[in-house]
Structures are given as structure tokens and as C-alpha cells.
Amino acid sequence: MKYISPLFSISHKKVKFFSVATIIFCGVFIVYSISSGLEKTVATSTKMTVKPALASKPKKPKPFHMVSLTFDDGTEEVYQNAIPILNAAHLKSTQYIITNYLDGHDPNFMDASQVQTLYHQGHEIASHTQSHQDLTSMSMERVDTELQGSKKDLENLGIPVVDFAYPGGLYNQPVEAAVQRAGYESGRKLENGLPLKGGNPMEMPAIIVTSDIPVTKILDLCVWAQNNGRWLVLVFHRVTPAPELDLTGKHLSITTGELKSIVNLLISHKMNVVTIQQGLATESKLLQ
């Protein structure tokens, strides 16, 4: 979003008239200036160049504008802290699940019954492999086992699975081919950016959301996507009541208060919040 400041002012001191040609030139110049700036690319989540937009009313939404809320790993914190906020607002998310934890042996992750509950509440359940290891460092036989096995683990719960997220965002062409071979329709990575209309769904970019990024920047980006008719995919990991640092001294989480701020904006601006599966289906229709 770009604000247009007055490019010049006209002094009224001792000025009685302007020629018709001058007035026409100024009018054309102003129209050109207002229409010239439309879109800025977000290179990294820590260097977003979108200017504050919250004070202004959103423009009329374009048909393609969408926002997807995706959560990686299937942590218990997401189930306890994020899902109640989303359900209260009637928003659906995409949950990328590490399936080796479905047996409930690790209390930090959701078990099978919790994942089934999310599915029946309308959230999309997607795959994040069985063990969350770097797929690019494995043999292709092991890669196939991880991809096909995690899909089968979730399908055995009565949950259809069509979307996938690369662990750590790490992938290469052989891994991408294996994801397609396993029957997935998309592969979400962690490279910052927005999906392009008609782009490769196996290399879906997204914006990582943590407490290291001011929530106002995320809010501004949501408004920018709405005003410019774009699809914005947000990635969350942990959701905690208060800020928490990981072992490297950085945040991999956001607070419940920050998530509420994002949800409140999505509701107040009447944004189209979709799961990844819904977003791909919508995009497919728009391309026909």
C-alpha cells in the first residue's frame, strides 16, 4: 500500500489566473501520480516495506484476495491456545501434522483424537512428514516412506490429506517430485513471499509469523493483500500466553494476544480466510 503525499502546492499570492494548458497538465500529472504505485514485493518478513494501512478503510476487495492461517508441527500449544481463538471467530486453518506423535507419547504434541477433533471442526489437516527430518539429506526410499507414511497415518484416522509442508522448508527437485508422486497437491515452503496466480503449488511461499516481527507489520500486510487482490499464506508454529525464546534466543512463537489482533483484523476487514485446500480450489477456478 502506498500513500500519496501532495506533490506540490499552489500559492495564491498575487496569482490571478492560470492558462488552460497549465491546468490540464497539472491534472494529468496528479492522476498519473496517484495511479502509478500499486504493488511492493515483500522480500523478507523482517524487512517488509508495506506502509501503515490500519488508519484507512480497506479498498473494495478483489475476487482473488485470500488469507490462509497455517500451523506447523501439530503442537499441544496450538490446540490449547490458538484453536479456541480461531473457533470463536469461525475461522478455519490448515494444520500440518507430524504423525509420529499421534500415539500421544509426547504431551507437547496433539494426539490422534485431537487431530480428528480439529478435522471435524472444519480445519484442514495436512502432512508434515512422520519424523520432521530434513528430506534433502535422506535416500529417496526414506523420503517416500516419510511422505507416503504420514499421509497414510492421517487417512487411517478418516481424514483426507492433499497438502504438505516441507520440514524446515527444505526441499529440492527430487523431493518435490516425491511429494507429487505421493499424491499431494501442494508443497508449502518457508521462503518469504506470496503465492503467484498460476504459480507452482509444489513451491508455495509463505510469511513466517513470530513475536520477533511487530504484529502491526503482519496486520499491514494483510490489508495490502486484500487491497491488491493477493493470496497471503501465514505460517505459525507455537502460540503461547507470553513471549518465549527458543534455544537460539529467537522467537518461534507468537502470543495469544498477537494472534487475537490478527484475527480481529481479518474479521473487521471482512477478509476471505481460506484453508490451503480451499485456496488452491479457488485459484483453479479463477484460472479457467
Foldseek 3Di string as FASTA:
>chain_A
DDDDDDPDDDDPPVDDDDDPVVVVVVVVVVVCSVPPDADDWQQALQDGPQDFDVVDAFDDFDPQQEEAEEEEAAFPQCLPQVVVLCVVLVFAHEYAYQLLCQCVPDNGHHHLVSVVVNVVSPHAYEHAWNPLDQLVVDDVVVLLCRQLVRQVSNVVSVHHYAEYEYRQLHDDDSSLVSNVVSRHQAYEGDRATFDDQVDRRPHGYAHEDWPVRPLSSVLSVSSSSRNNSTYHYYYAYGEDQDFDADPVRHTRHHYSVSSSVNSVSCVVSVHHYDYPVVSVVSSVVVVD
